[in-house]
Amino acid sequence: MDEKRNSLLIVEDDVDVAEMLTAYFRGQNYETYTVYWGEDALNTCRTAHPDLIILDIRLPDIDGFEVARRLRNNQRTMDIPIIFLTERRERKDRLQGLQLGADDYITKPFDIQELRLRVRNSLRRSTTGPLTNPVTGLAEGNLVNERLRECLSRGDWGLLVVAIENLNSFSEAYGFIAADDVLRAVSLMIYNALRSLGGVNDFIGHLGATEFVLVTHPKDLPGLEERIRGRLEQSLEYFYPLKDRGGAQTNDGRLKVRLGRLAAGEAGIKNLEELKSGLIQQIS
């Protein structure tokens, strides 16, 4: 008996892009469905239940954010992995996508090989249950959610969120392999800071693809934030090739670090969703 193929739903209003993606992933032995409207995407999910959705944001009827919101609010479709593939590059759009539960957010123009790997990784996580990030090896998904829920049951937690901005722009300029190298190096620097200044029971994991969350004691938050900010701000420029260092480009699309923190008793947080939303707001 033939092994079941993974199925993809491609939601894209640009016919040329939709046809290219359909042909490419069929060639990679995926079963594909292609629609051009948001409402058609919702109907297809209810009837075909694809294994993963590649979703544009700009659609002729309802936008991709609304599609994702409705999918996440439906018991039957809430666990389908979503990868946003869009022209929208602004940070607020990316944060909105991640807040809606997207597995990844890729901007156009994109590297088709990178998209293939992102699709593969998302499918693996959805099949085995998300445990560790395939790039950094750090905890993500259910493991992070479990640790954050533990925080809510205690009264002495402190959380530090670290976000790397403009990694998508970096990837577009230098390739996704170079971008993955940045992510691995940054995760190692954060881990080393936590090991030096934190406690034995501290924790680090992914809040999103380029966002990290650290669980520590509230008293250790200021020192950790200072150490991590200093190390990363000193290091980010060195990820660029020598010819592009020192402000050769405008700063708008350069790699940057943003940090925020929360501690027990702040903002009246009652559940996991409020906690994760509060963390995202700290870096907004």
Protein backbone atom coordinates (compact mmCIF):
# COMPACT_ATOMS: atom_id res chain seq x y z
CA MET A 1 0.00 0.00 0.00
CA ASP A 2 1.31 3.46 -0.90
CA GLU A 3 2.27 5.75 1.97
CA LYS A 4 -0.19 8.55 2.54
CA ARG A 5 1.03 11.85 1.09
CA ASN A 6 0.89 15.04 3.11
CA SER A 7 -1.69 17.49 1.80
CA LEU A 8 -1.19 21.25 1.42
CA LEU A 9 -3.76 23.98 0.94
CA ILE A 10 -2.33 26.93 -1.00
CA VAL A 11 -4.32 30.14 -0.50
CA GLU A 12 -2.95 32.74 -2.91
CA ASP A 13 -4.74 35.33 -5.06
CA ASP A 14 -1.79 35.79 -7.46
CA VAL A 15 -2.52 33.13 -10.08
CA ASP A 16 1.10 32.88 -11.25
CA VAL A 17 2.42 32.36 -7.72
CA ALA A 18 -0.38 29.90 -6.92
CA GLU A 19 0.33 27.83 -10.03
CA MET A 20 4.07 27.84 -9.36
CA LEU A 21 3.60 26.66 -5.77
CA THR A 22 1.10 24.02 -6.81
CA ALA A 23 3.39 22.60 -9.50
CA TYR A 24 6.44 22.69 -7.23
CA PHE A 25 4.87 20.93 -4.26
CA ARG A 26 3.16 18.36 -6.46
CA GLY A 27 6.63 17.63 -7.80
CA GLN A 28 7.72 17.14 -4.18
CA ASN A 29 5.00 14.48 -3.79
CA TYR A 30 2.52 16.58 -1.84
CA GLU A 31 -1.21 16.44 -2.47
CA THR A 32 -2.21 20.04 -3.12
CA TYR A 33 -5.40 22.09 -3.06
CA THR A 34 -5.35 25.63 -4.44
CA VAL A 35 -7.85 28.42 -3.78
CA TYR A 36 -7.77 32.17 -4.40
CA TRP A 37 -10.35 33.44 -1.87
CA GLY A 38 -10.45 33.36 1.92
CA GLU A 39 -13.96 31.91 2.17
CA ASP A 40 -12.96 29.12 -0.24
CA ALA A 41 -10.01 28.36 2.04
CA LEU A 42 -12.33 27.93 5.03
CA ASN A 43 -14.67 25.68 3.06
CA THR A 44 -11.79 23.54 1.81
CA CYS A 45 -10.43 23.14 5.35
CA ARG A 46 -13.79 21.92 6.55
CA THR A 47 -14.15 19.33 3.79
CA ALA A 48 -10.58 18.23 2.97
CA HIS A 49 -8.78 19.04 6.25
CA PRO A 50 -5.28 19.61 4.79
CA ASP A 51 -2.15 18.81 6.78
CA LEU A 52 -0.78 22.36 6.34
CA ILE A 53 -1.89 25.71 4.90
CA ILE A 54 0.29 28.18 2.98
CA LEU A 55 -1.70 31.38 3.43
CA ASP A 56 -1.40 34.80 1.80
CA ILE A 57 -2.68 37.77 3.81
CA ARG A 58 -3.95 39.93 0.95
CA LEU A 59 -7.00 38.16 -0.49
CA PRO A 60 -9.97 39.46 -2.52
CA ASP A 61 -12.64 38.90 0.16
CA ILE A 62 -11.48 38.37 3.76
CA ASP A 63 -7.80 38.70 4.57
CA GLY A 64 -5.49 35.92 5.69
CA PHE A 65 -5.56 37.10 9.31
CA GLU A 66 -9.32 36.59 9.41
CA VAL A 67 -8.93 33.17 7.77
CA ALA A 68 -6.40 32.16 10.44
CA ARG A 69 -8.59 33.55 13.23
CA ARG A 70 -11.61 31.51 12.12
CA LEU A 71 -9.53 28.37 11.70
CA ARG A 72 -8.08 28.71 15.19
CA ASN A 73 -11.56 29.24 16.66
CA ASN A 74 -12.93 26.06 15.08
CA GLN A 75 -12.36 22.80 16.96
CA ARG A 76 -11.95 20.83 13.74
CA THR A 77 -9.33 23.11 12.17
CA MET A 78 -7.59 24.73 15.17
CA ASP A 79 -4.50 22.48 14.98
CA ILE A 80 -3.75 22.76 11.23
CA PRO A 81 -0.28 24.33 10.82
CA ILE A 82 -0.33 27.71 9.04
CA ILE A 83 2.56 29.37 7.21
CA PHE A 84 1.90 32.96 6.17
CA LEU A 85 3.46 33.79 2.79
CA THR A 86 2.96 37.48 2.15
CA GLU A 87 4.25 40.79 0.85
CA ARG A 88 3.57 42.42 4.22
CA ARG A 89 6.93 43.02 5.87
CA GLU A 90 6.02 45.27 8.81
CA ARG A 91 6.76 43.98 12.26
CA LYS A 92 3.20 44.56 13.48
CA ASP A 93 1.88 42.24 10.74
CA ARG A 94 4.35 39.51 11.65
CA LEU A 95 3.47 39.79 15.33
CA GLN A 96 -0.22 39.65 14.49
CA GLY A 97 0.35 36.49 12.47
CA LEU A 98 2.29 34.81 15.27
CA GLN A 99 -0.27 35.92 17.84
CA LEU A 100 -2.93 34.15 15.78
CA GLY A 101 -0.96 30.92 16.14
CA ALA A 102 0.85 30.75 12.81
CA ASP A 103 3.77 28.33 12.68
CA ASP A 104 5.85 30.59 10.43
CA TYR A 105 5.79 33.92 8.59
CA ILE A 106 7.68 34.27 5.30
CA THR A 107 7.77 37.41 3.18
CA LYS A 108 7.87 37.73 -0.60
CA PRO A 109 10.01 37.43 -2.61
CA PHE A 110 10.90 34.09 -1.06
CA ASP A 111 13.33 31.24 -1.54
CA ILE A 112 11.34 28.17 -2.66
CA GLN A 113 13.88 25.84 -1.04
CA GLU A 114 13.49 27.66 2.25
CA LEU A 115 9.71 27.42 1.98
CA ARG A 116 9.99 23.68 1.31
CA LEU A 117 12.11 23.21 4.44
CA ARG A 118 9.75 25.35 6.53
CA VAL A 119 6.82 23.24 5.31
CA ARG A 120 8.69 20.03 6.12
CA ASN A 121 9.64 21.23 9.60
CA SER A 122 6.11 22.38 10.40
CA LEU A 123 4.68 19.04 9.30
CA ARG A 124 7.21 17.17 11.42
CA ARG A 125 6.30 19.24 14.47
CA SER A 126 2.59 18.74 13.91
CA THR A 127 3.07 14.97 13.51
CA THR A 128 5.34 14.35 16.48
CA GLY A 129 4.11 17.22 18.63
CA PRO A 130 6.19 20.40 18.81
CA LEU A 131 9.02 19.84 21.26
CA THR A 132 12.20 21.47 20.03
CA ASN A 133 13.05 24.02 17.37
CA PRO A 134 14.78 22.35 14.38
CA VAL A 135 17.27 25.23 14.02
CA THR A 136 18.30 25.96 17.62
CA GLY A 137 17.37 22.75 19.41
CA LEU A 138 15.60 24.78 22.10
CA ALA A 139 12.17 23.91 23.47
CA GLU A 140 9.12 25.31 21.70
CA GLY A 141 5.40 24.73 21.38
CA ASN A 142 3.95 22.40 24.00
CA LEU A 143 7.09 22.32 26.14
CA VAL A 144 7.12 26.11 26.39
CA ASN A 145 3.39 26.25 27.05
CA GLU A 146 3.77 23.69 29.83
CA ARG A 147 6.53 25.70 31.52
CA LEU A 148 4.56 28.95 31.25
CA ARG A 149 1.52 27.29 32.81
CA GLU A 150 3.74 26.21 35.70
CA CYS A 151 4.67 29.86 36.21
CA LEU A 152 1.04 30.81 36.63
CA SER A 153 0.70 28.36 39.50
CA ARG A 154 3.63 29.94 41.36
CA GLY A 155 4.23 33.39 42.77
CA ASP A 156 7.93 33.90 42.12
CA TRP A 157 8.36 33.81 38.36
CA GLY A 158 10.09 36.28 36.08
CA LEU A 159 10.00 36.16 32.28
CA LEU A 160 12.36 37.81 29.83
CA VAL A 161 11.43 37.88 26.14
CA VAL A 162 14.13 38.47 23.52
CA ALA A 163 13.16 39.22 19.91
CA ILE A 164 15.48 39.39 16.91
CA GLU A 165 14.07 41.88 14.42
CA ASN A 166 14.50 41.90 10.63
CA LEU A 167 15.79 38.33 10.35
CA ASN A 168 13.54 37.85 7.31
CA SER A 169 15.21 40.80 5.58
CA PHE A 170 18.61 39.37 6.48
CA SER A 171 17.55 36.00 5.04
CA GLU A 172 16.41 37.62 1.80
CA ALA A 173 19.78 39.36 1.42
CA TYR A 174 22.15 36.57 2.50
CA GLY A 175 20.13 33.34 2.36
CA PHE A 176 18.22 31.29 4.88
CA ILE A 177 21.29 29.24 5.84
CA ALA A 178 23.02 32.44 7.03
CA ALA A 179 19.83 33.45 8.85
CA ASP A 180 19.69 30.08 10.61
CA ASP A 181 23.32 30.58 11.66
CA VAL A 182 22.30 33.90 13.24
CA LEU A 183 19.46 32.23 15.10
CA ARG A 184 21.72 29.48 16.43
CA ALA A 185 24.41 31.93 17.54
CA VAL A 186 21.89 34.20 19.26
CA SER A 187 20.30 31.25 21.07
CA LEU A 188 23.74 30.16 22.32
CA MET A 189 24.55 33.64 23.63
CA ILE A 190 21.22 33.81 25.44
CA TYR A 191 21.74 30.32 26.87
CA ASN A 192 25.23 31.19 28.12
CA ALA A 193 23.94 34.35 29.81
CA LEU A 194 21.20 32.37 31.53
CA ARG A 195 23.69 29.73 32.67
CA SER A 196 26.01 32.41 34.10
CA LEU A 197 23.46 34.62 35.85
CA GLY A 198 20.37 32.48 36.35
CA GLY A 199 19.43 29.60 38.62
CA VAL A 200 19.64 25.84 38.12
CA ASN A 201 15.91 25.55 37.38
CA ASP A 202 15.78 28.36 34.82
CA PHE A 203 14.44 27.69 31.35
CA ILE A 204 14.80 29.00 27.80
CA GLY A 205 12.58 28.26 24.80
CA HIS A 206 11.02 29.74 21.68
CA LEU A 207 7.98 31.97 21.98
CA GLY A 208 8.01 32.34 18.18
CA ALA A 209 10.41 31.62 15.33
CA THR A 210 12.65 34.57 16.25
CA GLU A 211 11.42 35.24 19.79
CA PHE A 212 12.87 33.60 22.89
CA VAL A 213 11.42 33.44 26.38
CA LEU A 214 13.47 32.90 29.55
CA VAL A 215 11.97 31.75 32.83
CA THR A 216 13.92 32.82 35.89
CA HIS A 217 13.53 34.36 39.35
CA PRO A 218 12.35 38.01 39.34
CA LYS A 219 15.51 39.16 41.11
CA ASP A 220 17.64 37.88 38.22
CA LEU A 221 15.70 39.72 35.50
CA PRO A 222 17.60 43.06 35.50
CA GLY A 223 21.04 41.43 35.32
CA LEU A 224 19.99 39.00 32.59
CA GLU A 225 18.39 41.73 30.52
CA GLU A 226 21.50 43.90 30.76
CA ARG A 227 23.88 41.05 29.91
CA ILE A 228 21.86 39.76 26.95
CA ARG A 229 21.19 43.20 25.52
CA GLY A 230 24.88 44.11 25.73
CA ARG A 231 26.11 40.87 24.17
CA LEU A 232 23.62 40.88 21.32
CA GLU A 233 23.92 44.56 20.45
CA GLN A 234 27.70 44.14 20.26
CA SER A 235 27.46 41.00 18.13
CA LEU A 236 24.67 41.50 15.58
CA GLU A 237 26.76 43.60 13.19
CA TYR A 238 29.35 40.81 12.89
CA PHE A 239 26.82 38.48 11.29
CA TYR A 240 27.01 40.62 8.14
CA PRO A 241 29.73 40.14 5.52
CA LEU A 242 32.64 42.53 6.05
CA LYS A 243 31.64 44.71 3.09
CA ASP A 244 28.19 45.35 4.59
CA ARG A 245 29.22 46.22 8.13
CA GLY A 246 29.36 49.64 9.71
CA GLY A 247 26.21 51.21 8.30
CA ALA A 248 26.80 50.52 4.63
CA GLN A 249 23.04 50.03 4.40
CA THR A 250 20.23 51.96 6.04
CA ASN A 251 19.35 50.87 9.55
CA ASP A 252 15.68 50.22 8.79
CA GLY A 253 16.20 46.61 7.75
CA ARG A 254 19.22 45.77 9.92
CA LEU A 255 19.25 43.07 12.56
CA LYS A 256 18.12 44.47 15.91
CA VAL A 257 17.32 43.12 19.34
CA ARG A 258 14.29 43.99 21.42
CA LEU A 259 13.75 42.85 25.02
CA GLY A 260 10.88 42.96 27.46
CA ARG A 261 10.02 41.40 30.80
CA LEU A 262 7.14 40.36 32.99
CA ALA A 263 7.08 39.25 36.62
CA ALA A 264 4.54 37.56 38.85
CA GLY A 265 1.70 39.81 39.94
CA GLU A 266 1.91 42.16 36.95
CA ALA A 267 -1.09 43.06 34.79
CA GLY A 268 -3.45 40.61 36.51
CA ILE A 269 -2.54 37.73 34.19
CA LYS A 270 -4.84 34.76 34.73
CA ASN A 271 -4.16 32.23 31.95
CA LEU A 272 -1.64 31.13 29.33
CA GLU A 273 -3.18 33.19 26.52
CA GLU A 274 -3.02 36.39 28.56
CA LEU A 275 0.56 35.60 29.57
CA LYS A 276 1.75 35.05 25.99
CA SER A 277 -0.13 38.12 24.81
CA GLY A 278 1.49 40.15 27.57
CA LEU A 279 4.94 38.95 26.49
CA ILE A 280 4.30 39.91 22.88
CA GLN A 281 3.14 43.37 24.00
CA GLN A 282 6.44 43.85 25.82
CA ILE A 283 8.30 43.75 22.49
CA SER A 284 5.70 45.63 20.43
